N, C-alpha and C. Protein backbone atom coordinates (compact mmCIF):
# COMPACT_ATOMS: atom_id res chain seq x y z
N MET A 1 0.84 -1.18 0.00
CA MET A 1 0.00 0.00 0.00
C MET A 1 0.89 1.24 0.00
N ILE A 2 0.53 2.20 -0.82
CA ILE A 2 1.34 3.41 -0.92
C ILE A 2 0.90 4.43 0.14
N ASP A 3 1.84 5.28 0.54
CA ASP A 3 1.57 6.35 1.50
C ASP A 3 1.32 7.62 0.70
N LEU A 4 0.07 7.87 0.37
CA LEU A 4 -0.31 8.99 -0.46
C LEU A 4 -0.70 10.18 0.40
N LYS A 5 -0.13 11.35 0.11
CA LYS A 5 -0.38 12.54 0.92
C LYS A 5 -0.71 13.74 0.04
N LEU A 6 -1.51 14.64 0.61
CA LEU A 6 -1.73 15.96 0.04
C LEU A 6 -0.73 16.88 0.73
N ILE A 7 0.10 17.53 -0.05
CA ILE A 7 1.18 18.36 0.50
C ILE A 7 0.98 19.79 0.02
N ARG A 8 0.95 20.73 0.97
CA ARG A 8 0.87 22.16 0.60
C ARG A 8 2.23 22.78 0.82
N LEU A 9 2.72 23.45 -0.22
CA LEU A 9 4.03 24.09 -0.18
C LEU A 9 3.89 25.57 0.15
N ILE A 10 4.98 26.19 0.55
CA ILE A 10 4.93 27.62 0.90
C ILE A 10 4.63 28.49 -0.31
N THR A 11 4.76 27.94 -1.51
CA THR A 11 4.43 28.68 -2.73
C THR A 11 2.92 28.73 -2.96
N GLY A 12 2.16 27.97 -2.16
CA GLY A 12 0.71 27.90 -2.33
C GLY A 12 0.28 26.69 -3.14
N GLU A 13 1.24 26.02 -3.77
CA GLU A 13 0.90 24.83 -4.56
C GLU A 13 0.44 23.71 -3.64
N GLU A 14 -0.55 22.95 -4.12
CA GLU A 14 -0.94 21.72 -3.44
C GLU A 14 -0.64 20.57 -4.40
N ILE A 15 0.06 19.58 -3.89
CA ILE A 15 0.40 18.41 -4.70
C ILE A 15 -0.03 17.15 -3.98
N ILE A 16 -0.29 16.13 -4.76
CA ILE A 16 -0.58 14.80 -4.23
C ILE A 16 0.56 13.92 -4.70
N ALA A 17 1.15 13.18 -3.75
CA ALA A 17 2.31 12.36 -4.11
C ALA A 17 2.46 11.18 -3.16
N GLU A 18 3.19 10.18 -3.64
CA GLU A 18 3.57 9.05 -2.80
C GLU A 18 4.76 9.46 -1.95
N VAL A 19 4.65 9.29 -0.65
CA VAL A 19 5.77 9.57 0.24
C VAL A 19 6.67 8.33 0.27
N VAL A 20 7.92 8.52 -0.11
CA VAL A 20 8.89 7.44 -0.13
C VAL A 20 9.66 7.39 1.19
N ASP A 21 10.01 8.58 1.70
CA ASP A 21 10.80 8.67 2.93
C ASP A 21 10.57 10.04 3.56
N TRP A 22 10.78 10.12 4.86
CA TRP A 22 10.56 11.37 5.58
C TRP A 22 11.50 11.38 6.76
N LYS A 23 12.70 11.95 6.60
CA LYS A 23 13.65 11.99 7.70
C LYS A 23 14.65 13.12 7.52
N ASN A 24 15.23 13.53 8.63
CA ASN A 24 16.26 14.57 8.64
C ASN A 24 15.82 15.85 7.93
N GLY A 25 14.54 16.19 8.06
CA GLY A 25 14.05 17.42 7.46
C GLY A 25 13.83 17.37 5.96
N ILE A 26 13.89 16.17 5.39
CA ILE A 26 13.69 16.00 3.95
C ILE A 26 12.52 15.05 3.71
N LEU A 27 11.59 15.49 2.88
CA LEU A 27 10.45 14.68 2.48
C LEU A 27 10.72 14.20 1.05
N THR A 28 10.84 12.90 0.87
CA THR A 28 11.11 12.34 -0.46
C THR A 28 9.81 11.78 -1.02
N ILE A 29 9.46 12.25 -2.23
CA ILE A 29 8.20 11.85 -2.86
C ILE A 29 8.46 11.36 -4.28
N GLN A 30 7.42 10.75 -4.85
CA GLN A 30 7.46 10.38 -6.27
C GLN A 30 6.04 10.40 -6.83
N ASN A 31 5.94 10.40 -8.14
CA ASN A 31 4.64 10.42 -8.83
C ASN A 31 3.76 11.56 -8.35
N ALA A 32 4.31 12.75 -8.33
CA ALA A 32 3.59 13.92 -7.82
C ALA A 32 2.66 14.51 -8.89
N LEU A 33 1.48 14.88 -8.44
CA LEU A 33 0.50 15.57 -9.27
C LEU A 33 0.17 16.91 -8.63
N THR A 34 0.01 17.93 -9.43
CA THR A 34 -0.45 19.21 -8.92
C THR A 34 -1.97 19.25 -9.05
N ILE A 35 -2.59 19.95 -8.13
CA ILE A 35 -4.05 20.06 -8.13
C ILE A 35 -4.42 21.35 -8.85
N ILE A 36 -5.33 21.23 -9.80
CA ILE A 36 -5.79 22.38 -10.58
C ILE A 36 -7.27 22.59 -10.30
N PRO A 37 -7.61 23.61 -9.49
CA PRO A 37 -9.03 23.87 -9.22
C PRO A 37 -9.73 24.43 -10.46
N HIS A 38 -10.95 23.97 -10.67
CA HIS A 38 -11.75 24.44 -11.81
C HIS A 38 -13.22 24.42 -11.40
N GLN A 39 -13.79 25.59 -11.20
CA GLN A 39 -15.17 25.76 -10.75
C GLN A 39 -15.41 24.93 -9.48
N ASP A 40 -16.31 23.97 -9.51
CA ASP A 40 -16.61 23.16 -8.32
C ASP A 40 -15.85 21.84 -8.30
N GLN A 41 -14.86 21.68 -9.17
CA GLN A 41 -14.12 20.42 -9.27
C GLN A 41 -12.62 20.70 -9.23
N VAL A 42 -11.86 19.63 -9.20
CA VAL A 42 -10.40 19.76 -9.31
C VAL A 42 -9.91 18.80 -10.39
N GLY A 43 -8.80 19.18 -11.00
CA GLY A 43 -8.14 18.32 -11.97
C GLY A 43 -6.72 18.07 -11.51
N PHE A 44 -6.04 17.18 -12.18
CA PHE A 44 -4.67 16.83 -11.82
C PHE A 44 -3.78 16.94 -13.05
N ALA A 45 -2.53 17.35 -12.80
CA ALA A 45 -1.53 17.42 -13.86
C ALA A 45 -0.19 17.04 -13.26
N PRO A 46 0.73 16.51 -14.05
CA PRO A 46 2.05 16.17 -13.52
C PRO A 46 2.70 17.40 -12.89
N TRP A 47 3.35 17.21 -11.75
CA TRP A 47 3.98 18.32 -11.06
C TRP A 47 5.39 18.57 -11.59
N ALA A 48 6.17 17.54 -11.73
CA ALA A 48 7.52 17.66 -12.27
C ALA A 48 7.50 17.04 -13.67
N THR A 49 7.22 17.88 -14.66
CA THR A 49 6.91 17.36 -16.00
C THR A 49 8.10 16.82 -16.78
N VAL A 50 9.31 17.25 -16.46
CA VAL A 50 10.47 16.79 -17.24
C VAL A 50 11.43 15.95 -16.39
N ILE A 51 10.91 15.33 -15.36
CA ILE A 51 11.75 14.50 -14.49
C ILE A 51 12.20 13.24 -15.24
N ASP A 52 13.39 12.79 -14.96
CA ASP A 52 13.93 11.57 -15.57
C ASP A 52 13.19 10.37 -14.98
N PRO A 53 12.50 9.58 -15.80
CA PRO A 53 11.74 8.43 -15.28
C PRO A 53 12.62 7.37 -14.61
N GLU A 54 13.92 7.39 -14.89
CA GLU A 54 14.83 6.45 -14.23
C GLU A 54 15.10 6.86 -12.78
N PHE A 55 14.87 8.14 -12.46
CA PHE A 55 15.10 8.67 -11.11
C PHE A 55 13.87 9.47 -10.68
N PRO A 56 12.78 8.79 -10.33
CA PRO A 56 11.51 9.48 -10.10
C PRO A 56 11.37 10.19 -8.75
N GLU A 57 12.32 9.99 -7.85
CA GLU A 57 12.17 10.56 -6.51
C GLU A 57 12.57 12.04 -6.47
N ILE A 58 11.78 12.81 -5.72
CA ILE A 58 12.01 14.24 -5.55
C ILE A 58 12.18 14.51 -4.07
N ALA A 59 13.24 15.20 -3.68
CA ALA A 59 13.50 15.54 -2.28
C ALA A 59 13.04 16.96 -2.01
N LEU A 60 12.15 17.12 -1.03
CA LEU A 60 11.65 18.43 -0.64
C LEU A 60 12.18 18.77 0.75
N ASP A 61 12.73 19.95 0.89
CA ASP A 61 13.15 20.41 2.21
C ASP A 61 11.89 20.76 2.99
N MET A 62 11.76 20.26 4.22
CA MET A 62 10.55 20.45 5.01
C MET A 62 10.28 21.93 5.32
N LYS A 63 11.28 22.79 5.20
CA LYS A 63 11.02 24.20 5.45
C LYS A 63 10.15 24.81 4.34
N HIS A 64 9.95 24.07 3.25
CA HIS A 64 9.10 24.53 2.16
C HIS A 64 7.71 23.89 2.20
N VAL A 65 7.47 23.03 3.21
CA VAL A 65 6.19 22.33 3.33
C VAL A 65 5.38 22.95 4.47
N ILE A 66 4.15 23.36 4.18
CA ILE A 66 3.27 23.91 5.22
C ILE A 66 2.57 22.77 5.94
N TYR A 67 2.00 21.84 5.18
CA TYR A 67 1.37 20.67 5.82
C TYR A 67 1.37 19.48 4.88
N SER A 68 1.14 18.31 5.46
CA SER A 68 1.01 17.07 4.73
C SER A 68 -0.09 16.27 5.42
N VAL A 69 -1.14 15.93 4.67
CA VAL A 69 -2.29 15.24 5.25
C VAL A 69 -2.73 14.09 4.35
N ALA A 70 -3.54 13.20 4.92
CA ALA A 70 -4.13 12.10 4.15
C ALA A 70 -5.11 12.67 3.14
N VAL A 71 -5.34 11.95 2.06
CA VAL A 71 -6.26 12.39 1.02
C VAL A 71 -7.56 11.58 1.09
N ALA A 72 -8.61 12.13 0.53
CA ALA A 72 -9.92 11.48 0.51
C ALA A 72 -9.86 10.19 -0.32
N PRO A 73 -10.67 9.20 0.05
CA PRO A 73 -10.66 7.92 -0.68
C PRO A 73 -10.92 8.08 -2.18
N GLN A 74 -11.79 9.01 -2.58
CA GLN A 74 -12.07 9.21 -4.01
C GLN A 74 -10.82 9.69 -4.74
N VAL A 75 -10.00 10.49 -4.07
CA VAL A 75 -8.77 11.00 -4.67
C VAL A 75 -7.76 9.86 -4.81
N VAL A 76 -7.69 9.00 -3.80
CA VAL A 76 -6.79 7.83 -3.88
C VAL A 76 -7.18 6.97 -5.07
N GLU A 77 -8.47 6.76 -5.26
CA GLU A 77 -8.96 5.95 -6.38
C GLU A 77 -8.56 6.57 -7.71
N GLN A 78 -8.74 7.88 -7.85
CA GLN A 78 -8.38 8.57 -9.09
C GLN A 78 -6.87 8.52 -9.32
N TYR A 79 -6.10 8.72 -8.26
CA TYR A 79 -4.63 8.66 -8.35
C TYR A 79 -4.20 7.27 -8.84
N ASN A 80 -4.81 6.24 -8.27
CA ASN A 80 -4.48 4.87 -8.68
C ASN A 80 -4.82 4.61 -10.14
N LYS A 81 -5.89 5.22 -10.62
CA LYS A 81 -6.24 5.07 -12.05
C LYS A 81 -5.19 5.75 -12.93
N ILE A 82 -4.71 6.90 -12.49
CA ILE A 82 -3.72 7.65 -13.27
C ILE A 82 -2.40 6.88 -13.35
N PHE A 83 -1.94 6.36 -12.20
CA PHE A 83 -0.63 5.71 -12.15
C PHE A 83 -0.70 4.19 -12.23
N GLY A 84 -1.89 3.62 -12.27
CA GLY A 84 -2.01 2.17 -12.36
C GLY A 84 -1.45 1.46 -11.15
N THR A 85 -1.61 2.08 -9.96
CA THR A 85 -1.04 1.49 -8.75
C THR A 85 -2.07 0.78 -7.90
N SER A 86 -3.28 0.65 -8.40
CA SER A 86 -4.32 0.00 -7.62
C SER A 86 -4.02 -1.48 -7.48
N SER A 87 -4.26 -2.00 -6.29
CA SER A 87 -4.03 -3.42 -6.07
C SER A 87 -5.28 -4.24 -6.36
N ASP A 88 -6.38 -3.56 -6.66
CA ASP A 88 -7.62 -4.26 -6.96
C ASP A 88 -7.60 -4.73 -8.41
N ILE A 89 -8.02 -5.96 -8.62
CA ILE A 89 -8.09 -6.51 -9.97
C ILE A 89 -9.55 -6.45 -10.40
N ILE A 90 -9.79 -5.84 -11.54
CA ILE A 90 -11.14 -5.74 -12.06
C ILE A 90 -11.30 -6.77 -13.16
N THR A 91 -12.30 -7.61 -13.01
CA THR A 91 -12.55 -8.64 -14.01
C THR A 91 -13.86 -8.33 -14.72
N PRO A 92 -13.97 -8.70 -15.98
CA PRO A 92 -15.22 -8.43 -16.69
C PRO A 92 -16.34 -9.28 -16.12
N GLY A 93 -17.56 -8.75 -16.25
CA GLY A 93 -18.72 -9.50 -15.79
C GLY A 93 -18.96 -10.71 -16.66
N LYS A 94 -19.70 -11.68 -16.13
CA LYS A 94 -20.00 -12.90 -16.88
C LYS A 94 -21.00 -12.59 -17.98
N GLN A 95 -20.70 -13.01 -19.18
CA GLN A 95 -21.60 -12.77 -20.31
C GLN A 95 -22.15 -14.10 -20.82
N LEU A 96 -23.40 -14.09 -21.13
CA LEU A 96 -24.03 -15.29 -21.64
C LEU A 96 -24.24 -15.17 -23.14
N ILE A 97 -24.05 -16.25 -23.84
CA ILE A 97 -24.31 -16.27 -25.28
C ILE A 97 -25.70 -16.87 -25.47
N LEU A 98 -26.57 -16.11 -26.07
CA LEU A 98 -27.95 -16.58 -26.26
C LEU A 98 -28.20 -16.96 -27.69
């Protein structure tokens, strides 16, 4: 199970990311998405768009983090759809040939 957090930075940005490590004043994350508010909904976009996929981890100095909190279950579900990290296996329904 991944440790998914909503992180607010001192710049005002809110990102959703997997927390890889959190020690010595450094928060290490990966697969970060930025939240884009739009009317009564929110959208998601990659936060670090040109990151090397071979080195996906991003280290954030905690002095730049205002808070880090758990995310709503619906957001976790959407995040898992985006990154394909869901552990649930979806199988097609049974079809009958008539």
